[in-house]
Amino acid sequence: MSRLVMKFGGTSVADLERIRRVARLVAAEVKAGHQVAVVVSAMAGKTNELVAWTDGAGAAAPGLTPSDDEYDVVVASGEQVTAGLLAMTLRNMGLPARSWLGWQVPIIADDAHGKARIDDIPPEKLAAALDAGEVAVIAGFQGVTRDGRIATLGRGGSDTSAVAVAAALGAACDIYTDVDGVYTTDPRIESKAKKLAKISYEEMLEMASLGAKVLQTRSVELAMAYHVPVRVLSSFVEPGEAPGQGTIVCDEEEIVEKRIVSGVAYSRDEAKISLFGLPDHPGVSSSIFGALADANVNVDMIVQSHARMAETANMEFTVGKRDAQRAVEIVRSMKDKVGFEDVAVNEDVAKVSVIGVGMRSHAGVAKSMFQALADKGVNIQVISTSEIKISVLIDAAYTELAVRALHAAYGLDQL
């Protein structure tokens, strides 16, 4: 009997009717002969409500331990409710089911409350329950520290829980969302976007990190590390209603015909910071980016060029919009130490990227990208590349135009 982990996000379990539909999907997999574990998120909107309550309770008084651990106790309760309701619904349908919280599995995590990472999942208890014919309904997003405290796994934590449980059980992982697979680009922008039958872990990881919201990066990293087969499916269909739906995320070797470009991703959560008149000598970049790293500001694209003045340079880099003002304040505080002339920030920018494992063996991908953007009058401000992606920073007003132009330039609308 093969094992299967099914994961359902917040929109899939938003109310009792949707939970009943989830239960029917689970029942269909049990009927097909699988041993099934289910990982659930909190109902849509519930986590935000719980976070607001913790904000209302206020921070710990000076001299006391910060309340991050108690924050986790409150925020993790959303998944507990969903797990209990789904287990009850499955029992109502005649299936043996029970809920499992993070500490009961156990999903052992480190003590970085609010953004904990999974250290270990001993599979013995879950495996025994599945072998006995039970459906295990697991609260996602949560684990337990080695000293017995609840810890939450941060954004996308339920996806991470599901893939980690699948790795521990030697199971496949089906992740159900509000879309029926991974598309070549956002269908809301390009109506000709096509659903991909298969996509490699590396491509999915790049897409997730570049703004595609189907899967979270940590879950893809885990799946790639432990070779967990992942399918992305829609939960808004009845069992058997859409055979062959979904996208398989797998090793590159399993994809026979590799596309040069598999997708176009974009992110509007970008801010460009420009430094003018930097001294052009060793140690300057280290000082600037060291200070930003110490403040947990994540820097993405970086470009440096010579300025008109001798022995000076200009530098541009991007950060998330939420970090932009803090990054500017940090850089400004270093003006006397570093000796640059001025700093400017532009939040009216967007990053557009093309991704594909076929780039490794094909020349001319960048040329096609730049030509397609030039033909539409889109100016490129910053460029960054990796082995399987090219990203450009452009004026935010041209985001949708650029996405559609690139989608057509690589023939993705013809798949």
Protein backbone atom coordinates (compact mmCIF):
# COMPACT_ATOMS: atom_id res chain seq x y z
CA MET A 1 0.00 0.00 0.00
CA SER A 2 1.52 3.31 -1.05
CA ARG A 3 1.53 6.26 1.32
CA LEU A 4 0.25 9.68 0.36
CA VAL A 5 0.38 13.05 2.14
CA MET A 6 -2.37 15.48 1.11
CA LYS A 7 -2.03 19.16 2.04
CA PHE A 8 -4.89 21.67 2.01
CA GLY A 9 -4.40 25.42 2.37
CA GLY A 10 -6.55 28.04 4.06
CA THR A 11 -8.90 28.73 1.13
CA SER A 12 -9.50 24.97 0.73
CA VAL A 13 -10.74 24.67 4.35
CA ALA A 14 -12.30 28.14 4.70
CA ASP A 15 -15.68 26.84 5.93
CA LEU A 16 -17.49 23.61 6.79
CA GLU A 17 -18.74 23.05 3.23
CA ARG A 18 -15.20 23.25 1.87
CA ILE A 19 -13.97 20.96 4.66
CA ARG A 20 -16.61 18.43 3.54
CA ARG A 21 -15.28 18.65 -0.03
CA VAL A 22 -11.76 18.06 1.30
CA ALA A 23 -13.05 15.04 3.21
CA ARG A 24 -14.52 13.63 -0.02
CA LEU A 25 -11.15 14.06 -1.78
CA VAL A 26 -9.42 12.28 1.13
CA ALA A 27 -12.02 9.47 1.10
CA ALA A 28 -11.42 8.94 -2.64
CA GLU A 29 -7.68 8.43 -2.05
CA VAL A 30 -8.37 5.98 0.79
CA LYS A 31 -10.77 4.09 -1.49
CA ALA A 32 -8.03 3.98 -4.15
CA GLY A 33 -5.89 2.02 -1.69
CA HIS A 34 -3.57 4.67 -0.25
CA GLN A 35 -2.50 5.12 3.34
CA VAL A 36 -3.32 8.80 3.79
CA ALA A 37 -1.97 11.53 6.05
CA VAL A 38 -3.52 14.98 5.65
CA VAL A 39 -1.84 18.29 6.56
CA VAL A 40 -4.13 21.30 6.98
CA SER A 41 -3.73 25.05 7.32
CA ALA A 42 -5.91 27.32 9.41
CA MET A 43 -9.16 28.53 7.85
CA ALA A 44 -8.61 31.47 5.49
CA GLY A 45 -8.19 34.70 7.45
CA LYS A 46 -7.97 32.98 10.84
CA THR A 47 -4.19 33.32 11.25
CA ASN A 48 -4.34 37.06 10.55
CA GLU A 49 -7.07 37.39 13.20
CA LEU A 50 -4.94 35.51 15.74
CA VAL A 51 -1.89 37.64 14.93
CA ALA A 52 -3.98 40.77 15.50
CA TRP A 53 -4.96 39.44 18.93
CA THR A 54 -1.31 38.95 19.88
CA ASP A 55 -0.58 42.51 18.73
CA GLY A 56 -3.41 43.70 20.96
CA ALA A 57 -1.98 41.86 23.97
CA GLY A 58 1.21 43.89 23.60
CA ALA A 59 4.92 43.18 23.99
CA ALA A 60 6.53 41.89 27.18
CA ALA A 61 7.57 44.54 29.70
CA PRO A 62 11.26 45.52 29.81
CA GLY A 63 13.37 42.93 31.60
CA LEU A 64 11.04 40.01 30.80
CA THR A 65 11.50 37.33 28.16
CA PRO A 66 10.02 38.40 24.78
CA SER A 67 6.63 36.81 24.10
CA ASP A 68 7.59 35.06 20.85
CA ASP A 69 6.92 31.64 22.40
CA GLU A 70 3.45 32.70 23.56
CA TYR A 71 2.79 34.24 20.13
CA ASP A 72 3.33 30.75 18.70
CA VAL A 73 0.89 29.21 21.20
CA VAL A 74 -1.85 31.58 20.03
CA VAL A 75 -1.14 31.54 16.28
CA ALA A 76 -0.81 27.73 16.09
CA SER A 77 -4.35 27.27 17.38
CA GLY A 78 -5.90 27.97 13.95
CA GLU A 79 -4.53 24.74 12.49
CA GLN A 80 -5.66 22.82 15.56
CA VAL A 81 -9.29 23.82 14.90
CA THR A 82 -9.11 22.77 11.24
CA ALA A 83 -7.47 19.43 12.03
CA GLY A 84 -10.17 18.59 14.57
CA LEU A 85 -13.02 19.58 12.26
CA LEU A 86 -11.66 17.55 9.33
CA ALA A 87 -11.11 14.48 11.55
CA MET A 88 -14.70 14.79 12.81
CA THR A 89 -16.02 15.14 9.24
CA LEU A 90 -14.10 12.05 8.11
CA ARG A 91 -15.49 10.06 11.04
CA ASN A 92 -18.97 11.27 10.10
CA MET A 93 -18.34 9.71 6.67
CA GLY A 94 -17.35 6.40 8.27
CA LEU A 95 -13.56 6.71 8.03
CA PRO A 96 -11.29 6.09 11.05
CA ALA A 97 -9.45 9.40 11.53
CA ARG A 98 -7.77 11.35 14.31
CA SER A 99 -6.09 14.71 14.57
CA TRP A 100 -2.38 15.09 15.31
CA LEU A 101 -0.80 18.28 16.62
CA GLY A 102 2.85 19.10 16.00
CA TRP A 103 3.95 17.91 19.43
CA GLN A 104 2.07 14.61 19.05
CA VAL A 105 3.69 13.55 15.76
CA PRO A 106 6.28 14.87 16.88
CA ILE A 107 7.55 17.49 14.44
CA ILE A 108 10.72 18.55 16.26
CA ALA A 109 11.79 22.12 15.49
CA ASP A 110 14.43 24.57 16.67
CA ASP A 111 13.52 27.38 19.07
CA ALA A 112 13.42 30.26 16.55
CA HIS A 113 9.81 31.06 17.46
CA GLY A 114 7.72 32.44 14.60
CA LYS A 115 10.13 31.14 11.95
CA ALA A 116 11.32 27.79 13.31
CA ARG A 117 12.98 25.18 11.10
CA ILE A 118 12.25 21.46 11.32
CA ASP A 119 15.06 19.40 12.84
CA ASP A 120 13.52 15.93 12.77
CA ILE A 121 10.28 13.96 12.38
CA PRO A 122 10.51 10.49 13.96
CA PRO A 123 8.03 8.55 11.76
CA GLU A 124 7.22 5.63 14.05
CA LYS A 125 3.94 6.89 15.59
CA LEU A 126 2.48 8.16 12.32
CA ALA A 127 3.56 5.07 10.40
CA ALA A 128 1.91 2.80 12.98
CA ALA A 129 -1.35 4.78 12.74
CA LEU A 130 -1.34 4.60 8.93
CA ASP A 131 -0.54 0.87 8.99
CA ALA A 132 -3.57 0.40 11.27
CA GLY A 133 -5.80 1.96 8.62
CA GLU A 134 -6.22 5.35 10.27
CA VAL A 135 -6.32 8.66 8.40
CA ALA A 136 -3.90 11.00 10.19
CA VAL A 137 -5.03 14.65 10.09
CA ILE A 138 -2.01 16.78 11.01
CA ALA A 139 -2.04 20.43 12.03
CA GLY A 140 0.40 22.16 9.68
CA PHE A 141 2.61 25.18 10.41
CA GLN A 142 3.60 23.94 13.85
CA GLY A 143 6.21 21.87 15.63
CA VAL A 144 7.60 21.41 19.11
CA THR A 145 10.99 22.47 20.45
CA ARG A 146 13.22 20.00 22.26
CA ASP A 147 12.19 21.58 25.56
CA GLY A 148 8.49 21.03 24.80
CA ARG A 149 7.36 24.47 23.59
CA ILE A 150 5.13 25.02 20.54
CA ALA A 151 6.99 26.61 17.62
CA THR A 152 5.50 27.85 14.34
CA LEU A 153 7.32 27.48 11.04
CA GLY A 154 6.72 30.91 9.50
CA ARG A 155 5.23 31.83 6.12
CA GLY A 156 4.31 28.79 4.04
CA GLY A 157 4.79 26.59 7.09
CA SER A 158 2.00 24.16 6.22
CA ASP A 159 3.56 23.39 2.82
CA THR A 160 6.84 22.78 4.65
CA SER A 161 5.08 20.52 7.19
CA ALA A 162 3.50 18.46 4.42
CA VAL A 163 6.70 17.86 2.45
CA ALA A 164 8.65 17.11 5.64
CA VAL A 165 6.03 14.56 6.76
CA ALA A 166 6.09 12.99 3.28
CA ALA A 167 9.89 12.73 3.43
CA ALA A 168 9.72 11.10 6.87
CA LEU A 169 7.09 8.58 5.73
CA GLY A 170 8.62 7.89 2.31
CA ALA A 171 5.39 9.16 0.73
CA ALA A 172 4.37 11.25 -2.24
CA CYS A 173 2.91 14.69 -1.51
CA ASP A 174 -0.17 16.25 -3.13
CA ILE A 175 -0.55 19.97 -2.38
CA TYR A 176 -4.08 21.24 -2.99
CA THR A 177 -4.54 24.96 -3.60
CA ASP A 178 -7.02 27.31 -5.28
CA VAL A 179 -5.37 26.75 -8.70
CA ASP A 180 -5.20 23.53 -10.71
CA GLY A 181 -1.44 23.49 -11.26
CA VAL A 182 1.64 25.55 -12.10
CA TYR A 183 1.22 27.85 -15.09
CA THR A 184 3.75 29.36 -17.48
CA THR A 185 2.85 32.75 -15.96
CA ASP A 186 0.08 34.39 -13.95
CA PRO A 187 -3.20 33.65 -15.84
CA ARG A 188 -4.65 36.88 -14.43
CA ILE A 189 -2.11 38.83 -16.51
CA GLU A 190 -1.78 36.58 -19.57
CA SER A 191 -4.95 34.73 -20.58
CA LYS A 192 -2.85 32.48 -22.86
CA ALA A 193 -0.85 31.06 -19.93
CA LYS A 194 -0.59 27.27 -20.12
CA LYS A 195 -0.60 24.72 -17.32
CA LEU A 196 2.64 22.74 -17.12
CA ALA A 197 2.35 18.95 -16.83
CA LYS A 198 5.81 18.75 -15.19
CA ILE A 199 8.31 21.22 -13.80
CA SER A 200 11.71 20.56 -12.23
CA TYR A 201 12.43 21.28 -8.56
CA GLU A 202 14.98 23.91 -9.58
CA GLU A 203 12.56 25.74 -11.85
CA MET A 204 9.83 25.64 -9.21
CA LEU A 205 12.27 26.94 -6.60
CA GLU A 206 13.20 29.87 -8.83
CA MET A 207 9.54 30.59 -9.60
CA ALA A 208 8.61 30.48 -5.91
CA SER A 209 11.47 32.78 -4.92
CA LEU A 210 10.65 35.18 -7.78
CA GLY A 211 7.04 35.80 -6.84
CA ALA A 212 4.98 32.78 -7.97
CA LYS A 213 2.75 31.98 -4.99
CA VAL A 214 1.79 28.37 -5.78
CA LEU A 215 4.42 26.83 -3.48
CA GLN A 216 6.69 28.29 -0.81
CA THR A 217 10.46 28.10 -1.31
CA ARG A 218 11.21 26.09 1.85
CA SER A 219 8.84 23.29 0.84
CA VAL A 220 10.42 23.07 -2.63
CA GLU A 221 13.92 23.01 -1.09
CA LEU A 222 12.86 20.11 1.16
CA ALA A 223 11.24 18.21 -1.71
CA MET A 224 14.38 18.61 -3.82
CA ALA A 225 16.71 17.54 -0.99
CA TYR A 226 14.71 14.39 -0.18
CA HIS A 227 13.40 13.67 -3.71
CA VAL A 228 9.76 13.87 -2.60
CA PRO A 229 7.39 13.67 -5.60
CA VAL A 230 5.05 16.67 -5.37
CA ARG A 231 1.83 17.34 -7.27
CA VAL A 232 0.03 20.70 -7.27
CA LEU A 233 -3.75 20.24 -7.58
CA SER A 234 -7.00 22.16 -7.16
CA SER A 235 -9.17 21.43 -4.15
CA PHE A 236 -12.19 23.04 -5.84
CA VAL A 237 -13.19 19.93 -7.76
CA GLU A 238 -15.03 16.81 -6.70
CA PRO A 239 -13.24 13.41 -6.74
CA GLY A 240 -12.85 12.16 -10.33
CA GLU A 241 -14.14 15.42 -11.78
CA ALA A 242 -10.87 16.51 -13.42
CA PRO A 243 -8.70 13.48 -14.26
CA GLY A 244 -5.13 14.35 -15.20
CA GLN A 245 -5.27 17.78 -13.57
CA GLY A 246 -2.32 19.24 -11.73
CA THR A 247 1.41 19.74 -12.19
CA ILE A 248 4.11 17.29 -11.09
CA VAL A 249 7.22 18.81 -9.49
CA CYS A 250 10.08 16.35 -9.98
CA ASP A 251 13.78 15.83 -10.74
CA GLU A 252 14.99 17.41 -13.97
CA GLU A 253 15.95 13.94 -15.29
CA GLU A 254 12.27 12.90 -15.26
CA ILE A 255 11.38 15.59 -17.82
CA VAL A 256 12.14 14.10 -21.24
CA GLU A 257 11.74 17.21 -23.40
CA LYS A 258 13.24 20.17 -21.55
CA ARG A 259 11.90 23.58 -22.51
CA ILE A 260 14.39 26.43 -22.92
CA VAL A 261 12.08 28.65 -20.87
CA SER A 262 9.35 27.17 -18.66
CA GLY A 263 7.84 30.28 -17.18
CA VAL A 264 7.75 34.02 -16.65
CA ALA A 265 7.51 35.31 -13.07
CA TYR A 266 7.20 38.80 -11.66
CA SER A 267 7.34 40.58 -8.33
CA ARG A 268 6.10 44.05 -7.50
CA ASP A 269 7.52 43.82 -3.98
CA GLU A 270 10.75 45.53 -4.99
CA ALA A 271 12.55 48.75 -4.10
CA LYS A 272 15.73 50.01 -5.78
CA ILE A 273 18.32 51.83 -3.68
CA SER A 274 20.99 53.85 -5.50
CA LEU A 275 24.30 54.99 -3.98
CA PHE A 276 26.24 57.69 -5.80
CA GLY A 277 29.92 58.61 -5.55
CA LEU A 278 31.13 55.58 -3.60
CA PRO A 279 34.88 55.26 -3.02
CA ASP A 280 36.05 52.59 -5.48
CA HIS A 281 38.31 50.50 -3.26
CA PRO A 282 38.17 47.16 -1.39
CA GLY A 283 35.99 46.86 1.72
CA VAL A 284 33.27 49.36 0.80
CA SER A 285 30.73 46.77 -0.38
CA SER A 286 31.55 44.57 2.60
CA SER A 287 30.78 47.42 5.02
CA ILE A 288 27.46 48.31 3.38
CA PHE A 289 26.06 44.82 2.88
CA GLY A 290 27.44 43.61 6.21
CA ALA A 291 25.41 46.29 8.00
CA LEU A 292 22.29 45.40 6.03
CA ALA A 293 22.74 41.70 6.80
CA ASP A 294 23.15 42.45 10.51
CA ALA A 295 19.76 44.20 10.36
CA ASN A 296 18.20 41.17 8.58
CA VAL A 297 17.61 43.15 5.38
CA ASN A 298 17.63 40.73 2.45
CA VAL A 299 19.37 42.15 -0.63
CA ASP A 300 18.56 40.74 -4.06
CA MET A 301 19.95 42.31 -7.26
CA ILE A 302 23.23 44.26 -7.11
CA VAL A 303 25.03 46.21 -9.83
CA GLN A 304 28.07 48.51 -9.58
CA SER A 305 29.51 50.79 -12.25
CA HIS A 306 32.26 53.40 -12.50
CA ALA A 307 31.21 56.99 -11.88
CA ARG A 308 32.47 59.98 -13.86
CA MET A 309 34.83 61.03 -11.08
CA ALA A 310 38.10 59.09 -10.82
CA GLU A 311 38.20 56.34 -8.19
CA THR A 312 34.47 56.55 -7.49
CA ALA A 313 31.61 54.21 -8.35
CA ASN A 314 27.81 54.13 -8.34
CA MET A 315 25.90 51.16 -6.93
CA GLU A 316 22.30 50.00 -7.16
CA PHE A 317 20.68 47.15 -5.26
CA THR A 318 17.15 45.93 -4.55
CA VAL A 319 15.36 44.98 -1.35
CA GLY A 320 11.74 44.18 -0.49
CA LYS A 321 9.51 47.24 -0.20
CA ARG A 322 8.94 46.57 3.49
CA ASP A 323 12.70 46.85 4.13
CA ALA A 324 13.32 49.87 1.89
CA GLN A 325 13.13 52.70 4.41
CA ARG A 326 15.11 50.76 7.01
CA ALA A 327 17.79 49.98 4.42
CA VAL A 328 18.03 53.67 3.46
CA GLU A 329 18.36 54.68 7.12
CA ILE A 330 21.14 52.12 7.65
CA VAL A 331 23.02 53.28 4.55
CA ARG A 332 22.60 56.97 5.46
CA SER A 333 24.00 56.30 8.92
CA MET A 334 27.19 55.05 7.22
CA LYS A 335 27.65 58.09 4.96
CA ASP A 336 30.54 59.59 6.92
CA LYS A 337 32.22 56.23 7.48
CA VAL A 338 31.97 55.06 3.86
CA GLY A 339 32.19 58.46 2.19
CA PHE A 340 29.57 58.32 -0.58
CA GLU A 341 27.85 61.41 -1.97
CA ASP A 342 24.13 60.59 -1.94
CA VAL A 343 21.51 57.85 -1.66
CA ALA A 344 18.12 57.56 -3.40
CA VAL A 345 15.26 55.04 -3.25
CA ASN A 346 12.72 54.13 -5.93
CA GLU A 347 9.78 51.91 -4.96
CA ASP A 348 8.04 52.22 -8.33
CA VAL A 349 9.86 49.24 -9.84
CA ALA A 350 9.13 45.57 -10.55
CA LYS A 351 11.24 42.49 -11.23
CA VAL A 352 10.39 40.29 -14.21
CA SER A 353 12.16 36.95 -14.71
CA VAL A 354 12.33 34.10 -17.22
CA ILE A 355 13.12 30.63 -15.86
CA GLY A 356 14.09 27.38 -17.57
CA VAL A 357 16.57 24.51 -17.16
CA GLY A 358 17.02 24.54 -20.94
CA MET A 359 19.05 27.75 -20.61
CA ARG A 360 22.02 25.62 -19.56
CA SER A 361 22.40 24.25 -23.07
CA HIS A 362 20.96 27.01 -25.27
CA ALA A 363 22.50 30.34 -26.27
CA GLY A 364 20.53 33.48 -27.08
CA VAL A 365 18.00 33.42 -24.25
CA ALA A 366 19.11 36.82 -22.91
CA LYS A 367 19.16 38.29 -26.43
CA SER A 368 15.53 37.23 -26.98
CA MET A 369 14.51 38.70 -23.62
CA PHE A 370 16.17 42.06 -24.18
CA GLN A 371 14.88 42.32 -27.76
CA ALA A 372 11.29 41.53 -26.72
CA LEU A 373 11.41 44.23 -24.04
CA ALA A 374 13.04 46.76 -26.39
CA ASP A 375 10.35 46.16 -29.01
CA LYS A 376 7.75 47.18 -26.42
CA GLY A 377 9.73 50.23 -25.27
CA VAL A 378 10.51 48.75 -21.84
CA ASN A 379 13.75 50.10 -20.33
CA ILE A 380 15.90 47.76 -18.22
CA GLN A 381 17.37 49.25 -15.04
CA VAL A 382 19.17 46.27 -13.45
CA ILE A 383 19.97 42.74 -14.67
CA SER A 384 20.82 39.61 -12.68
CA THR A 385 21.29 36.02 -13.84
CA SER A 386 21.74 32.49 -12.55
CA GLU A 387 22.26 29.22 -14.39
CA ILE A 388 18.52 28.83 -15.10
CA LYS A 389 17.05 32.33 -14.83
CA ILE A 390 17.41 35.91 -16.03
CA SER A 391 15.82 38.73 -14.03
CA VAL A 392 15.43 42.38 -14.98
CA LEU A 393 14.27 45.37 -12.97
CA ILE A 394 11.89 47.66 -14.84
CA ASP A 395 9.45 50.51 -14.20
CA ALA A 396 6.43 49.02 -12.38
CA ALA A 397 4.02 50.55 -14.91
CA TYR A 398 5.36 48.17 -17.59
CA THR A 399 5.05 44.95 -15.53
CA GLU A 400 2.07 43.39 -17.28
CA LEU A 401 3.24 44.47 -20.74
CA ALA A 402 6.66 42.91 -20.09
CA VAL A 403 5.18 39.64 -18.81
CA ARG A 404 2.95 39.27 -21.88
CA ALA A 405 5.76 40.19 -24.28
CA LEU A 406 8.17 37.64 -22.80
CA HIS A 407 5.50 34.95 -22.62
CA ALA A 408 4.95 35.34 -26.35
CA ALA A 409 8.66 35.75 -27.21
CA TYR A 410 9.51 32.28 -25.90
CA GLY A 411 6.43 30.62 -27.43
CA LEU A 412 4.90 29.74 -24.07
CA ASP A 413 1.44 30.52 -25.42
CA GLN A 414 1.97 27.75 -28.01
CA LEU A 415 2.59 24.88 -25.57
